[in-house]
Amino acid sequence: MTYSEILGALGHRFTRPKMRALCATLDRIDTDGALVGEPGLAVLVVRQSDGLPGQGWWIGTAADAGYTGQWTGSEAETFVRGRQAEAFRYWRVR
C-alpha cells in the first residue's frame, strides 16, 4: 500500500506531517517486532511514484541491514522485493 492509501484507510488525507507520524509509528512497530524476531512491516508501505519505501526507511532500516546502494532503480527494487517477500513468508503462517 502507498503512504496515501494507508492514511486514507485510517480516515486522514495525505499531509507531510501525517506521513511523518505514520512513518514514526511504522518504525516503532518494526523496532518492537525485531526484538521478538519478526521481519519489518514498514517495507510494505511505499511511495506511489515508484513503489519503493521513502527516504526514512532507506537511511534507517535499509542502512541497518547493510544496504549501501541507490534508493531507486533495479538494485533498490530487488532489495525491497526481498524484504517484502520475507515479511509475507513470515506472516503467511501465523
C-alpha atoms as a PDB file:
ATOM      1  CA  MET A   1       0.000   0.000   0.000  1.00  0.00           C
ATOM      2  CA  THR A   2       1.090   3.568  -0.521  1.00  0.00           C
ATOM      3  CA  TYR A   3       1.509   6.085   2.281  1.00  0.00           C
ATOM      4  CA  SER A   4      -1.565   7.899   0.951  1.00  0.00           C
ATOM      5  CA  GLU A   5      -3.648   4.697   0.868  1.00  0.00           C
ATOM      6  CA  ILE A   6      -2.752   3.849   4.469  1.00  0.00           C
ATOM      7  CA  LEU A   7      -3.605   7.350   5.668  1.00  0.00           C
ATOM      8  CA  GLY A   8      -6.874   7.250   3.722  1.00  0.00           C
ATOM      9  CA  ALA A   9      -7.791   3.888   5.243  1.00  0.00           C
ATOM     10  CA  LEU A  10      -7.229   5.480   8.651  1.00  0.00           C
ATOM     11  CA  GLY A  11      -9.544   8.377   7.753  1.00  0.00           C
ATOM     12  CA  HIS A  12      -6.870  11.004   7.063  1.00  0.00           C
ATOM     13  CA  ARG A  13      -5.927  12.902   3.959  1.00  0.00           C
ATOM     14  CA  PHE A  14      -2.280  12.859   2.934  1.00  0.00           C
ATOM     15  CA  THR A  15      -0.166  15.582   4.508  1.00  0.00           C
ATOM     16  CA  ARG A  16       3.558  15.600   5.210  1.00  0.00           C
ATOM     17  CA  PRO A  17       3.070  15.776   8.998  1.00  0.00           C
ATOM     18  CA  LYS A  18       0.640  12.834   8.927  1.00  0.00           C
ATOM     19  CA  MET A  19       3.031  10.872   6.704  1.00  0.00           C
ATOM     20  CA  ARG A  20       5.890  11.523   9.138  1.00  0.00           C
ATOM     21  CA  ALA A  21       3.713  10.363  12.038  1.00  0.00           C
ATOM     22  CA  LEU A  22       2.812   7.221  10.089  1.00  0.00           C
ATOM     23  CA  CYS A  23       6.489   6.548   9.399  1.00  0.00           C
ATOM     24  CA  ALA A  24       7.373   7.004  13.075  1.00  0.00           C
ATOM     25  CA  THR A  25       4.632   4.534  14.007  1.00  0.00           C
ATOM     26  CA  LEU A  26       5.833   2.005  11.425  1.00  0.00           C
ATOM     27  CA  ASP A  27       9.387   2.387  12.685  1.00  0.00           C
ATOM     28  CA  ARG A  28       8.256   1.699  16.254  1.00  0.00           C
ATOM     29  CA  ILE A  29       6.304  -1.383  15.127  1.00  0.00           C
ATOM     30  CA  ASP A  30       9.404  -2.667  13.313  1.00  0.00           C
ATOM     31  CA  THR A  31      11.698  -1.921  16.253  1.00  0.00           C
ATOM     32  CA  ASP A  32       9.442  -3.752  18.689  1.00  0.00           C
ATOM     33  CA  GLY A  33       8.920  -6.637  16.250  1.00  0.00           C
ATOM     34  CA  ALA A  34      12.645  -7.066  15.694  1.00  0.00           C
ATOM     35  CA  LEU A  35      13.074  -7.692  19.410  1.00  0.00           C
ATOM     36  CA  VAL A  36      10.979 -10.859  19.053  1.00  0.00           C
ATOM     37  CA  GLY A  37      12.379 -11.931  15.678  1.00  0.00           C
ATOM     38  CA  GLU A  38       9.694 -10.521  13.388  1.00  0.00           C
ATOM     39  CA  PRO A  39      10.625  -9.071   9.983  1.00  0.00           C
ATOM     40  CA  GLY A  40       9.859  -5.443   9.322  1.00  0.00           C
ATOM     41  CA  LEU A  41       6.493  -4.306   8.006  1.00  0.00           C
ATOM     42  CA  ALA A  42       7.366  -0.719   7.029  1.00  0.00           C
ATOM     43  CA  VAL A  43       8.840  -2.069   3.779  1.00  0.00           C
ATOM     44  CA  LEU A  44       5.269  -2.871   2.707  1.00  0.00           C
ATOM     45  CA  VAL A  45       4.322   0.830   2.655  1.00  0.00           C
ATOM     46  CA  VAL A  46       5.649   2.549  -0.452  1.00  0.00           C
ATOM     47  CA  ARG A  47       5.654   5.731  -2.484  1.00  0.00           C
ATOM     48  CA  GLN A  48       3.013   5.949  -5.176  1.00  0.00           C
ATOM     49  CA  SER A  49       5.568   7.273  -7.662  1.00  0.00           C
ATOM     50  CA  ASP A  50       7.848   4.237  -7.811  1.00  0.00           C
ATOM     51  CA  GLY A  51       6.551   1.569  -5.424  1.00  0.00           C
ATOM     52  CA  LEU A  52       9.544   1.871  -3.084  1.00  0.00           C
ATOM     53  CA  PRO A  53       9.758   2.946   0.574  1.00  0.00           C
ATOM     54  CA  GLY A  54      10.576   6.543   1.400  1.00  0.00           C
ATOM     55  CA  GLN A  55      13.853   8.140   2.417  1.00  0.00           C
ATOM     56  CA  GLY A  56      13.486   7.432   6.130  1.00  0.00           C
ATOM     57  CA  TRP A  57      13.259   3.694   5.508  1.00  0.00           C
ATOM     58  CA  TRP A  58      16.428   3.773   3.378  1.00  0.00           C
ATOM     59  CA  ILE A  59      18.525   5.733   5.872  1.00  0.00           C
ATOM     60  CA  GLY A  60      17.260   3.671   8.817  1.00  0.00           C
ATOM     61  CA  THR A  61      16.138   0.139   8.132  1.00  0.00           C
ATOM     62  CA  ALA A  62      17.939  -0.483   4.839  1.00  0.00           C
ATOM     63  CA  ALA A  63      21.184   1.044   6.092  1.00  0.00           C
ATOM     64  CA  ASP A  64      20.983  -1.001   9.297  1.00  0.00           C
ATOM     65  CA  ALA A  65      20.614  -4.117   7.122  1.00  0.00           C
ATOM     66  CA  GLY A  66      23.839  -3.196   5.298  1.00  0.00           C
ATOM     67  CA  TYR A  67      22.268  -1.864   2.089  1.00  0.00           C
ATOM     68  CA  THR A  68      24.547   0.757   0.511  1.00  0.00           C
ATOM     69  CA  GLY A  69      23.101   1.079  -3.000  1.00  0.00           C
ATOM     70  CA  GLN A  70      20.865   3.668  -4.615  1.00  0.00           C
ATOM     71  CA  TRP A  71      17.361   4.261  -3.232  1.00  0.00           C
ATOM     72  CA  THR A  72      15.814   3.919  -6.687  1.00  0.00           C
ATOM     73  CA  GLY A  73      16.310   1.626  -9.648  1.00  0.00           C
ATOM     74  CA  SER A  74      16.613  -2.106 -10.113  1.00  0.00           C
ATOM     75  CA  GLU A  75      19.035  -2.754  -7.230  1.00  0.00           C
ATOM     76  CA  ALA A  76      16.707  -0.960  -4.810  1.00  0.00           C
ATOM     77  CA  GLU A  77      13.692  -2.804  -6.217  1.00  0.00           C
ATOM     78  CA  THR A  78      15.422  -6.165  -5.774  1.00  0.00           C
ATOM     79  CA  PHE A  79      16.359  -5.362  -2.178  1.00  0.00           C
ATOM     80  CA  VAL A  80      12.836  -4.179  -1.323  1.00  0.00           C
ATOM     81  CA  ARG A  81      11.145  -7.148  -3.003  1.00  0.00           C
ATOM     82  CA  GLY A  82      13.332  -9.493  -0.948  1.00  0.00           C
ATOM     83  CA  ARG A  83      12.399  -7.763   2.302  1.00  0.00           C
ATOM     84  CA  GLN A  84       8.724  -7.738   1.320  1.00  0.00           C
ATOM     85  CA  ALA A  85       8.832 -11.452   0.481  1.00  0.00           C
ATOM     86  CA  GLU A  86      10.426 -12.133   3.872  1.00  0.00           C
ATOM     87  CA  ALA A  87       7.557 -10.338   5.645  1.00  0.00           C
ATOM     88  CA  PHE A  88       4.898 -12.168   3.628  1.00  0.00           C
ATOM     89  CA  ARG A  89       6.541 -15.558   4.231  1.00  0.00           C
ATOM     90  CA  TYR A  90       6.756 -14.954   7.954  1.00  0.00           C
ATOM     91  CA  TRP A  91       3.180 -13.703   8.424  1.00  0.00           C
ATOM     92  CA  ARG A  92       1.556 -16.144   5.997  1.00  0.00           C
ATOM     93  CA  VAL A  93       1.883 -18.991   8.500  1.00  0.00           C
ATOM     94  CA  ARG A  94       0.773 -17.011  11.559  1.00  0.00           C
END
